Amino acid sequence: MRLSPIGPFKGLLAALAVFVAACSPPPQAADPYAPRPYVELSHPEWARDAVIYQINTRQFTEEGTFRAAQAELPRIAALGVDILWLMPIHPIGELNRKGTLGSPYAVRDYFGVNPEFGDLEDLKAFVDEAHRLGMHVILDWVANHTAWDNALATEHPDWYVRDWQGAFMSTPYWDWTDIIDLDYDNAALRRYMTEAMVYWVREAGIDGYRADVAGYVPLDFWENVRAELETIKPVFMLAEFDQRDVHARAFDASYSWEWNNAMNAIAMGRGDVGALFGYYSGHASAWPHDAYRLTYTSNHDQNAWTGTMNERFGPARDAAIVLSFVGAGIPMLYNGQEAGEPARLAFFEDDPIQWREDPVEDLFRLLIALKTETSALWNGAAGAPMTPVVNSAPMQVFTFVRRDAQSAVFAAFNFSPTTQTVTFPPGPHWGNWQDYVTQEGARFDAETTLTLPAWGYRIYVNDGAFTAPSAAAAATAPAAPGAPAAEE
């Protein structure tokens, strides 16, 4: 046997390594008291001031195809939206199908395209045109369950949850009889689902996903998916879930169900501005500053099952829309809202939107422009927090300022069915402003009163400059009650 020249020195080298390690100072431990960022992911730059537009391909046009939808993209781009959310694009299951055409959330093939909409080349052409017009495209992804006749049910039956009799089962407590639940305790399923999501980013050039019932799937699955997708390109992820932990490493945005429900309660006379105090207090205090929370006045579920924006918000509709844009959050439109959302759309049938001209389109266009040009209104930490402004009718009138070094917005809403005239103590709203709608100048100081019609609103803007009121001015300002204290 011939020894390697280094052989005799191996023991000496090992001893030397031990000696050096013993003499080296211990590694510096992280300061346990230093704050650490909760949101560890990086939002894509194009999402910082983004507005989302949801497309129900089946109902978006008379033809219900990608090609027909592509022809409408210049009109949608002219609205100023940034992210297009396509509802599920996959073939739909036939076994236990609901209605004539079935639910797009009953997926039969994760690697296929629903022939109702076109083919893969049609989808690619849609995405390419959206990119050319400066927009990004996310796909709706249904990870929690499949159609009964998805090939996985035959090829990998062990990937599914079973009921007490050992049979496939639908998601508990919901009337989702057209689907069966997947079991994420299975590593092979996780790999398959991740590879399918990677496929559409690589093959079709999409820019991320909206995750259906995201909270019903383990969070560590989504966190790994995000990490793998980010090796390809920056992506945007929206969770259908209202919970802050999804923002740490998986999702840019999540649903604000609480905001939507609070606005509906106020509009229907079941609540007052106190409902918004609760929501925005929790948002400011308990949620990470860089979390994007989806604020919306309609979507496919609401439209089909609970009512249009007109039904759910009545005379408060426009004020609710405005708050969804100027308050903290990332705003969204559901296709047809710009036409006044004239009807509920049948979910399992062919029921195209009845497009028409409506003044609300001008409101959406105005608000999208305001959000884009006003950095204080941008999403998450890119924008400014909401600073409450106290007024003399706190249960009827909601007022706040959002201000950064470049811009500021002072917003006032009368969320009541009667005219309200309010006064203010000294606050961050004092100074010179311009009404964003009328372009008229306005000044707020110790003498100012503001009158708002029933369900009315005002949006004031300036360049962000602010001079605090003097002590003398503050002392002579009229007193205004604050919001009532919450019970402990």
Protein backbone atom coordinates (compact mmCIF):
# COMPACT_ATOMS: atom_id res chain seq x y z
CA MET A 1 0.00 0.00 0.00
CA ARG A 2 1.31 3.43 -0.91
CA LEU A 3 0.53 6.32 1.45
CA SER A 4 -0.62 9.70 0.21
CA PRO A 5 2.00 12.37 0.96
CA ILE A 6 -0.55 14.23 3.05
CA GLY A 7 -1.53 11.18 5.05
CA PRO A 8 0.93 11.60 7.97
CA PHE A 9 -0.17 15.20 8.42
CA LYS A 10 -3.90 14.57 8.70
CA GLY A 11 -3.81 14.14 12.45
CA LEU A 12 -1.70 17.26 12.87
CA LEU A 13 -4.06 19.33 10.70
CA ALA A 14 -7.06 18.13 12.66
CA ALA A 15 -5.42 19.05 15.96
CA LEU A 16 -4.48 22.46 14.59
CA ALA A 17 -8.08 23.07 13.50
CA VAL A 18 -9.31 22.26 17.00
CA PHE A 19 -6.72 24.61 18.53
CA VAL A 20 -7.67 27.51 16.20
CA ALA A 21 -11.36 26.98 16.91
CA ALA A 22 -10.69 27.02 20.65
CA CYS A 23 -8.76 30.27 20.39
CA SER A 24 -11.30 32.02 18.12
CA PRO A 25 -13.81 34.35 19.76
CA PRO A 26 -17.35 32.97 19.91
CA PRO A 27 -19.67 34.14 17.11
CA GLN A 28 -21.62 37.26 17.92
CA ALA A 29 -25.12 36.33 19.00
CA ALA A 30 -27.95 38.31 17.46
CA ASP A 31 -29.31 40.98 19.74
CA PRO A 32 -32.55 39.44 21.08
CA TYR A 33 -33.95 42.93 21.67
CA ALA A 34 -33.29 44.33 18.20
CA PRO A 35 -36.44 44.57 16.05
CA ARG A 36 -36.54 42.34 13.02
CA PRO A 37 -38.66 42.89 9.90
CA TYR A 38 -41.78 40.74 9.95
CA VAL A 39 -42.18 40.77 6.17
CA GLU A 40 -39.10 39.02 4.83
CA LEU A 41 -40.11 38.78 1.18
CA SER A 42 -39.52 41.53 -1.38
CA HIS A 43 -42.51 42.93 -3.23
CA PRO A 44 -41.98 43.37 -6.98
CA GLU A 45 -41.34 47.02 -7.75
CA TRP A 46 -44.32 47.15 -10.11
CA ALA A 47 -46.66 46.27 -7.23
CA ARG A 48 -45.83 49.29 -5.05
CA ASP A 49 -48.61 51.47 -6.50
CA ALA A 50 -50.63 48.68 -8.13
CA VAL A 51 -54.39 48.38 -8.57
CA ILE A 52 -55.79 44.90 -9.29
CA TYR A 53 -58.46 44.09 -11.89
CA GLN A 54 -60.19 40.68 -11.68
CA ILE A 55 -61.30 39.01 -14.92
CA ASN A 56 -63.96 36.29 -15.01
CA THR A 57 -63.02 35.08 -18.48
CA ARG A 58 -66.29 33.21 -19.03
CA GLN A 59 -68.39 36.35 -18.48
CA PHE A 60 -65.95 39.10 -19.48
CA THR A 61 -66.95 39.06 -23.16
CA GLU A 62 -69.77 37.60 -25.27
CA GLU A 63 -67.33 35.01 -26.62
CA GLY A 64 -65.87 34.16 -23.21
CA THR A 65 -62.39 33.51 -24.63
CA PHE A 66 -58.83 34.70 -24.09
CA ARG A 67 -58.73 36.13 -27.61
CA ALA A 68 -61.86 38.21 -27.02
CA ALA A 69 -60.51 39.33 -23.64
CA GLN A 70 -57.21 40.31 -25.26
CA ALA A 71 -59.06 42.71 -27.54
CA GLU A 72 -60.35 44.52 -24.42
CA LEU A 73 -56.91 45.00 -22.86
CA PRO A 74 -56.30 48.50 -24.26
CA ARG A 75 -59.52 49.67 -22.60
CA ILE A 76 -58.52 48.10 -19.29
CA ALA A 77 -55.02 49.57 -19.53
CA ALA A 78 -56.57 52.99 -20.12
CA LEU A 79 -58.27 52.72 -16.74
CA GLY A 80 -54.79 52.65 -15.24
CA VAL A 81 -54.86 49.24 -13.54
CA ASP A 82 -51.64 47.31 -13.09
CA ILE A 83 -52.33 43.65 -12.21
CA LEU A 84 -54.83 41.44 -14.05
CA TRP A 85 -56.15 38.50 -12.03
CA LEU A 86 -57.48 35.74 -14.28
CA MET A 87 -59.90 33.35 -12.61
CA PRO A 88 -58.90 29.65 -13.01
CA ILE A 89 -57.92 28.84 -16.60
CA HIS A 90 -57.88 25.04 -16.31
CA PRO A 91 -60.24 22.37 -17.68
CA ILE A 92 -63.27 21.91 -15.41
CA GLY A 93 -64.38 18.57 -13.98
CA GLU A 94 -67.51 16.88 -15.33
CA LEU A 95 -68.19 14.39 -12.54
CA ASN A 96 -70.56 15.99 -9.97
CA ARG A 97 -70.38 19.23 -11.97
CA LYS A 98 -72.59 22.11 -10.83
CA GLY A 99 -74.77 23.77 -13.43
CA THR A 100 -74.19 23.52 -17.16
CA LEU A 101 -70.58 24.67 -17.34
CA GLY A 102 -69.38 23.91 -13.82
CA SER A 103 -67.17 25.89 -11.46
CA PRO A 104 -63.71 26.98 -12.62
CA TYR A 105 -62.60 26.10 -9.08
CA ALA A 106 -63.19 22.38 -9.83
CA VAL A 107 -59.89 21.76 -11.63
CA ARG A 108 -59.55 18.63 -13.78
CA ASP A 109 -56.00 19.21 -15.07
CA TYR A 110 -53.46 21.60 -13.54
CA PHE A 111 -51.32 21.54 -16.68
CA GLY A 112 -54.19 22.12 -19.14
CA VAL A 113 -56.18 25.05 -20.51
CA ASN A 114 -59.97 25.08 -20.47
CA PRO A 115 -60.98 24.73 -24.17
CA GLU A 116 -63.94 26.98 -23.36
CA PHE A 117 -61.39 29.82 -23.19
CA GLY A 118 -58.96 28.76 -25.95
CA ASP A 119 -55.59 27.04 -25.82
CA LEU A 120 -52.13 27.61 -24.42
CA GLU A 121 -51.09 29.84 -27.33
CA ASP A 122 -54.16 32.02 -26.76
CA LEU A 123 -53.22 32.40 -23.09
CA LYS A 124 -49.64 33.26 -24.00
CA ALA A 125 -50.84 35.89 -26.46
CA PHE A 126 -53.07 37.42 -23.77
CA VAL A 127 -50.16 37.59 -21.31
CA ASP A 128 -47.80 39.02 -23.93
CA GLU A 129 -50.27 41.76 -24.85
CA ALA A 130 -50.88 42.62 -21.19
CA HIS A 131 -47.11 42.94 -20.72
CA ARG A 132 -46.81 45.11 -23.82
CA LEU A 133 -49.43 47.45 -22.34
CA GLY A 134 -47.54 47.68 -19.05
CA MET A 135 -49.72 45.31 -17.01
CA HIS A 136 -48.93 42.05 -15.19
CA VAL A 137 -50.99 38.86 -15.04
CA ILE A 138 -51.63 36.52 -12.10
CA LEU A 139 -53.53 33.24 -12.32
CA ASP A 140 -56.07 31.95 -9.82
CA TRP A 141 -54.63 28.77 -8.31
CA VAL A 142 -56.78 26.12 -6.61
CA ALA A 143 -54.41 24.11 -4.42
CA ASN A 144 -56.84 22.95 -1.73
CA HIS A 145 -58.94 20.60 -3.83
CA THR A 146 -59.52 19.11 -7.30
CA ALA A 147 -62.45 18.00 -9.40
CA TRP A 148 -63.63 14.45 -8.72
CA ASP A 149 -62.38 13.36 -12.16
CA ASN A 150 -58.95 14.94 -11.96
CA ALA A 151 -56.47 12.25 -13.04
CA LEU A 152 -54.73 12.55 -9.68
CA ALA A 153 -57.70 10.87 -8.00
CA THR A 154 -56.96 7.71 -10.00
CA GLU A 155 -53.19 7.92 -10.31
CA HIS A 156 -52.47 9.10 -6.75
CA PRO A 157 -55.48 8.37 -4.54
CA ASP A 158 -53.20 8.59 -1.49
CA TRP A 159 -52.88 12.34 -2.14
CA TYR A 160 -56.45 12.95 -0.97
CA VAL A 161 -58.14 13.39 2.40
CA ARG A 162 -60.62 10.64 3.37
CA ASP A 163 -63.84 10.74 5.39
CA TRP A 164 -64.79 8.43 8.27
CA GLN A 165 -65.71 5.73 5.75
CA GLY A 166 -62.42 5.99 3.87
CA ALA A 167 -63.94 7.75 0.82
CA PHE A 168 -62.90 10.96 -0.90
CA MET A 169 -64.44 14.00 0.77
CA SER A 170 -65.31 17.58 -0.07
CA THR A 171 -64.12 20.49 2.07
CA PRO A 172 -65.99 20.15 5.39
CA TYR A 173 -69.01 22.36 6.17
CA TRP A 174 -69.23 23.95 2.71
CA ASP A 175 -71.55 22.98 -0.12
CA TRP A 176 -68.62 22.25 -2.42
CA THR A 177 -69.89 18.91 -3.65
CA ASP A 178 -68.12 19.22 -7.01
CA ILE A 179 -64.63 18.95 -5.49
CA ILE A 180 -62.54 16.67 -3.23
CA ASP A 181 -59.86 17.77 -0.78
CA LEU A 182 -56.12 17.18 -1.16
CA ASP A 183 -53.88 16.03 1.70
CA TYR A 184 -50.80 18.22 2.18
CA ASP A 185 -49.23 15.78 4.60
CA ASN A 186 -47.96 14.11 1.43
CA ALA A 187 -44.58 15.39 0.20
CA ALA A 188 -45.11 14.03 -3.33
CA LEU A 189 -48.29 16.10 -3.67
CA ARG A 190 -46.43 19.21 -2.56
CA ARG A 191 -43.75 18.61 -5.19
CA TYR A 192 -46.33 18.04 -7.93
CA MET A 193 -48.32 21.15 -7.07
CA THR A 194 -45.19 23.30 -6.87
CA GLU A 195 -43.95 22.03 -10.24
CA ALA A 196 -47.34 22.83 -11.76
CA MET A 197 -47.17 26.41 -10.48
CA VAL A 198 -43.60 26.78 -11.73
CA TYR A 199 -44.74 25.52 -15.14
CA TRP A 200 -47.14 28.42 -15.78
CA VAL A 201 -44.56 31.04 -14.77
CA ARG A 202 -42.00 29.51 -17.13
CA GLU A 203 -44.28 28.45 -19.99
CA ALA A 204 -46.87 31.24 -20.11
CA GLY A 205 -44.86 34.06 -18.57
CA ILE A 206 -47.40 34.84 -15.86
CA ASP A 207 -46.37 37.06 -12.95
CA GLY A 208 -47.77 35.27 -9.88
CA TYR A 209 -50.89 33.82 -8.36
CA ARG A 210 -54.06 34.48 -6.43
CA ALA A 211 -54.36 31.48 -4.09
CA ASP A 212 -57.90 30.20 -3.59
CA VAL A 213 -58.80 29.46 0.07
CA ALA A 214 -55.12 29.90 0.83
CA GLY A 215 -55.57 29.36 4.55
CA TYR A 216 -56.86 25.83 3.98
CA VAL A 217 -53.42 24.83 2.69
CA PRO A 218 -50.40 24.69 5.07
CA LEU A 219 -48.47 27.95 5.14
CA ASP A 220 -45.10 26.25 4.78
CA PHE A 221 -46.22 24.96 1.37
CA TRP A 222 -46.89 28.51 0.15
CA GLU A 223 -43.62 29.78 1.61
CA ASN A 224 -41.66 27.19 -0.34
CA VAL A 225 -43.64 27.91 -3.51
CA ARG A 226 -42.81 31.60 -3.21
CA ALA A 227 -39.11 30.81 -2.78
CA GLU A 228 -39.05 28.56 -5.85
CA LEU A 229 -40.96 31.01 -8.04
CA GLU A 230 -38.61 33.82 -7.05
CA THR A 231 -35.71 31.89 -8.59
CA ILE A 232 -37.43 32.46 -11.95
CA LYS A 233 -38.66 36.06 -11.69
CA PRO A 234 -40.18 38.49 -9.19
CA VAL A 235 -43.77 37.43 -8.57
CA PHE A 236 -46.87 38.81 -6.87
CA MET A 237 -48.91 36.54 -4.59
CA LEU A 238 -52.43 37.26 -3.30
CA ALA A 239 -53.96 35.05 -0.58
CA GLU A 240 -57.68 34.53 -0.22
CA PHE A 241 -57.24 34.66 3.53
CA ASP A 242 -57.43 37.36 6.21
CA GLN A 243 -54.49 36.59 8.48
CA ARG A 244 -51.20 38.39 8.99
CA ASP A 245 -48.81 35.42 9.11
CA VAL A 246 -49.18 34.74 5.38
CA HIS A 247 -47.24 37.97 4.73
CA ALA A 248 -43.94 36.96 6.31
CA ARG A 249 -42.54 34.80 3.53
CA ALA A 250 -45.36 33.80 1.17
CA PHE A 251 -47.87 36.47 0.12
CA ASP A 252 -47.68 40.13 -0.85
CA ALA A 253 -51.40 40.67 -0.30
CA SER A 254 -54.33 39.11 1.55
CA TYR A 255 -58.06 39.73 1.69
CA SER A 256 -59.58 42.37 3.99
CA TRP A 257 -62.84 40.59 4.74
CA GLU A 258 -63.18 42.62 7.93
CA TRP A 259 -62.96 45.92 6.01
CA ASN A 260 -65.53 44.80 3.47
CA ASN A 261 -67.94 43.57 6.14
CA ALA A 262 -67.53 46.77 8.17
CA MET A 263 -68.36 48.91 5.15
CA ASN A 264 -71.38 46.75 4.32
CA ALA A 265 -72.65 47.04 7.91
CA ILE A 266 -72.32 50.84 7.83
CA ALA A 267 -74.04 51.13 4.44
CA MET A 268 -76.93 48.93 5.55
CA GLY A 269 -77.46 50.82 8.81
CA ARG A 270 -76.18 48.00 11.02
CA GLY A 271 -73.10 49.94 12.15
CA ASP A 272 -71.38 53.30 12.29
CA VAL A 273 -67.85 54.63 11.90
CA GLY A 274 -66.87 52.73 15.02
CA ALA A 275 -66.66 49.62 12.83
CA LEU A 276 -63.89 51.31 10.85
CA PHE A 277 -62.09 52.40 14.02
CA GLY A 278 -61.85 48.76 15.01
CA TYR A 279 -60.56 47.66 11.62
CA TYR A 280 -57.99 50.41 11.12
CA SER A 281 -56.77 50.24 14.72
CA GLY A 282 -56.03 46.56 14.31
CA HIS A 283 -54.44 47.18 10.92
CA ALA A 284 -52.10 49.83 12.31
CA SER A 285 -51.21 48.01 15.52
CA ALA A 286 -51.27 44.29 14.81
CA TRP A 287 -50.38 43.87 11.13
CA PRO A 288 -46.95 44.28 9.52
CA HIS A 289 -46.59 47.69 7.90
CA ASP A 290 -45.51 46.20 4.58
CA ALA A 291 -48.51 43.86 4.26
CA TYR A 292 -50.86 44.68 1.39
CA ARG A 293 -54.49 44.14 2.44
CA LEU A 294 -56.97 43.83 -0.42
CA THR A 295 -59.75 46.43 -0.18
CA TYR A 296 -62.58 45.79 -2.63
CA THR A 297 -66.27 46.53 -3.16
CA SER A 298 -66.99 43.48 -5.33
CA ASN A 299 -65.50 40.20 -6.49
CA HIS A 300 -66.75 36.99 -8.12
CA ASP A 301 -68.02 35.50 -4.85
CA GLN A 302 -69.84 38.62 -3.67
CA ASN A 303 -71.36 39.29 -7.06
CA ALA A 304 -72.69 35.76 -7.50
CA TRP A 305 -73.82 34.93 -3.97
CA THR A 306 -74.47 38.08 -1.93
CA GLY A 307 -75.07 40.95 -4.34
CA THR A 308 -73.56 43.59 -6.58
CA MET A 309 -71.77 46.61 -5.16
CA ASN A 310 -75.01 48.54 -5.64
CA GLU A 311 -76.96 46.02 -3.56
CA ARG A 312 -74.36 45.74 -0.82
CA PHE A 313 -73.50 49.43 -0.40
CA GLY A 314 -76.54 51.31 -1.69
CA PRO A 315 -76.14 55.10 -1.40
CA ALA A 316 -72.77 54.59 0.32
CA ARG A 317 -71.36 52.90 -2.79
CA ASP A 318 -69.18 55.73 -4.08
CA ALA A 319 -67.85 56.63 -0.63
CA ALA A 320 -66.93 52.97 -0.05
CA ILE A 321 -65.11 52.85 -3.39
CA VAL A 322 -63.19 56.03 -2.57
CA LEU A 323 -62.14 54.72 0.86
CA SER A 324 -60.91 51.48 -0.74
CA PHE A 325 -58.45 53.61 -2.75
CA VAL A 326 -57.36 56.35 -0.34
CA GLY A 327 -57.26 54.28 2.85
CA ALA A 328 -54.50 51.80 3.63
CA GLY A 329 -54.67 48.74 1.36
CA ILE A 330 -54.32 47.58 -2.23
CA PRO A 331 -57.56 48.25 -4.15
CA MET A 332 -59.28 45.95 -6.63
CA LEU A 333 -62.02 46.12 -9.26
CA TYR A 334 -64.09 43.15 -10.39
CA ASN A 335 -64.84 43.20 -14.12
CA GLY A 336 -68.09 45.06 -14.76
CA GLN A 337 -67.81 47.44 -11.84
CA GLU A 338 -66.74 50.19 -14.22
CA ALA A 339 -70.06 49.60 -16.04
CA GLY A 340 -71.97 50.04 -12.78
CA GLU A 341 -72.09 46.25 -12.17
CA PRO A 342 -75.66 46.09 -13.47
CA ALA A 343 -76.40 42.48 -12.46
CA ARG A 344 -75.28 39.40 -10.60
CA LEU A 345 -73.54 36.94 -12.92
CA ALA A 346 -74.57 33.28 -12.95
CA PHE A 347 -71.60 31.33 -11.64
CA PHE A 348 -72.05 28.01 -13.43
CA GLU A 349 -73.58 29.27 -16.68
CA ASP A 350 -72.75 31.49 -19.65
CA ASP A 351 -73.91 34.94 -18.51
CA PRO A 352 -71.85 37.73 -20.12
CA ILE A 353 -71.51 41.15 -18.53
CA GLN A 354 -73.90 43.71 -20.00
CA TRP A 355 -71.39 46.43 -20.77
CA ARG A 356 -72.64 50.01 -20.70
CA GLU A 357 -71.38 53.50 -19.99
CA ASP A 358 -71.70 54.54 -16.36
CA PRO A 359 -70.40 57.56 -14.41
CA VAL A 360 -68.70 55.25 -11.91
CA GLU A 361 -66.06 54.49 -14.56
CA ASP A 362 -64.90 58.10 -14.32
CA LEU A 363 -64.68 57.73 -10.54
CA PHE A 364 -62.51 54.62 -10.87
CA ARG A 365 -60.30 56.35 -13.42
CA LEU A 366 -59.91 59.38 -11.16
CA LEU A 367 -59.03 57.27 -8.13
CA ILE A 368 -56.52 55.10 -9.98
CA ALA A 369 -54.77 58.22 -11.24
CA LEU A 370 -54.75 59.67 -7.72
CA LYS A 371 -53.21 56.50 -6.27
CA THR A 372 -50.59 56.26 -9.00
CA GLU A 373 -49.42 59.87 -8.73
CA THR A 374 -49.61 60.17 -4.92
CA SER A 375 -46.83 58.25 -3.19
CA ALA A 376 -48.52 58.66 0.21
CA LEU A 377 -51.24 56.30 -1.09
CA TRP A 378 -48.94 53.56 -2.35
CA ASN A 379 -49.16 50.02 -1.02
CA GLY A 380 -47.65 48.80 2.23
CA ALA A 381 -44.54 50.50 3.54
CA ALA A 382 -44.11 52.33 0.21
CA GLY A 383 -47.07 54.49 1.23
CA ALA A 384 -47.80 56.54 4.34
CA PRO A 385 -49.81 55.33 7.35
CA MET A 386 -53.23 56.77 8.09
CA THR A 387 -53.12 59.47 10.79
CA PRO A 388 -56.53 59.94 12.44
CA VAL A 389 -58.08 63.41 12.38
CA VAL A 390 -60.51 64.02 15.23
CA ASN A 391 -63.81 65.72 14.32
CA SER A 392 -66.99 66.73 16.16
CA ALA A 393 -69.14 63.86 14.78
CA PRO A 394 -66.85 60.84 15.16
CA MET A 395 -69.55 58.18 14.77
CA GLN A 396 -70.79 59.65 11.49
CA VAL A 397 -67.74 61.30 9.90
CA PHE A 398 -64.44 59.51 9.27
CA THR A 399 -61.39 61.72 8.68
CA PHE A 400 -57.68 61.03 8.31
CA VAL A 401 -54.45 62.24 6.68
CA ARG A 402 -51.82 60.24 4.81
CA ARG A 403 -48.59 62.17 4.33
CA ASP A 404 -45.03 61.56 3.17
CA ALA A 405 -42.27 63.91 2.05
CA GLN A 406 -43.69 64.26 -1.47
CA SER A 407 -47.47 64.23 -1.07
CA ALA A 408 -50.40 64.29 1.31
CA VAL A 409 -54.09 63.41 1.24
CA PHE A 410 -56.75 64.59 3.69
CA ALA A 411 -59.90 62.49 3.30
CA ALA A 412 -63.30 63.08 4.90
CA PHE A 413 -66.31 60.75 4.66
CA ASN A 414 -69.87 61.17 5.92
CA PHE A 415 -70.94 57.60 6.55
CA SER A 416 -74.48 58.53 7.59
CA PRO A 417 -77.82 59.18 5.82
CA THR A 418 -77.99 62.84 6.96
CA THR A 419 -75.93 65.95 6.23
CA GLN A 420 -73.13 66.49 8.75
CA THR A 421 -71.27 69.71 9.60
CA VAL A 422 -68.12 69.14 11.63
CA THR A 423 -65.39 71.14 13.33
CA PHE A 424 -61.89 70.03 14.24
CA PRO A 425 -59.34 70.58 17.01
CA PRO A 426 -55.72 71.16 15.97
CA GLY A 427 -54.46 68.29 13.87
CA PRO A 428 -52.37 67.10 10.95
CA HIS A 429 -54.98 68.41 8.49
CA TRP A 430 -54.38 72.09 9.29
CA GLY A 431 -53.03 74.04 6.35
CA ASN A 432 -53.72 74.71 2.67
CA TRP A 433 -55.20 72.02 0.44
CA GLN A 434 -56.75 71.52 -2.97
CA ASP A 435 -59.95 69.55 -3.56
CA TYR A 436 -58.82 66.74 -5.88
CA VAL A 437 -62.19 66.55 -7.65
CA THR A 438 -63.11 70.23 -8.06
CA GLN A 439 -59.53 71.62 -8.02
CA GLU A 440 -60.72 74.36 -5.63
CA GLY A 441 -58.47 75.56 -2.83
CA ALA A 442 -59.33 74.97 0.82
CA ARG A 443 -57.78 75.91 4.14
CA PHE A 444 -58.25 74.14 7.45
CA ASP A 445 -57.53 75.96 10.71
CA ALA A 446 -59.22 76.85 14.02
CA GLU A 447 -62.17 78.52 12.29
CA THR A 448 -62.89 75.86 9.68
CA THR A 449 -66.08 73.87 9.49
CA LEU A 450 -66.77 71.19 6.89
CA THR A 451 -70.23 70.23 5.63
CA LEU A 452 -70.70 66.86 3.95
CA PRO A 453 -73.95 65.66 2.37
CA ALA A 454 -75.38 62.26 3.28
CA TRP A 455 -72.86 59.57 2.24
CA GLY A 456 -70.64 62.33 0.84
CA TYR A 457 -66.86 62.58 0.79
CA ARG A 458 -64.04 65.02 0.09
CA ILE A 459 -60.49 64.29 -1.04
CA TYR A 460 -57.93 67.06 -0.50
CA VAL A 461 -54.31 66.93 -1.69
CA ASN A 462 -51.13 68.97 -1.26
CA ASP A 463 -47.38 68.58 -1.65
CA GLY A 464 -46.86 67.07 1.79
CA ALA A 465 -45.61 70.24 3.48
CA PHE A 466 -46.99 70.67 7.01
CA THR A 467 -46.56 73.31 9.67
CA ALA A 468 -47.93 72.43 13.08
CA PRO A 469 -50.45 74.96 14.44
CA SER A 470 -49.02 77.40 16.98
CA ALA A 471 -49.77 76.99 20.66
CA ALA A 472 -51.94 80.11 20.56
CA ALA A 473 -53.95 78.79 17.61
CA ALA A 474 -54.33 75.42 19.27
CA ALA A 475 -55.54 77.04 22.48
CA THR A 476 -58.29 78.96 20.67
CA ALA A 477 -59.41 76.07 18.48
CA PRO A 478 -62.90 74.71 19.11
CA ALA A 479 -62.94 71.47 21.05
CA ALA A 480 -64.08 68.30 19.33
CA PRO A 481 -64.88 65.01 20.99
CA GLY A 482 -62.78 62.00 20.14
CA ALA A 483 -64.03 58.52 19.45
CA PRO A 484 -65.58 56.75 22.42
CA ALA A 485 -63.23 54.46 24.29
CA ALA A 486 -63.51 50.78 23.55
CA GLU A 487 -64.35 48.49 26.45
CA GLU A 488 -61.41 46.53 27.80
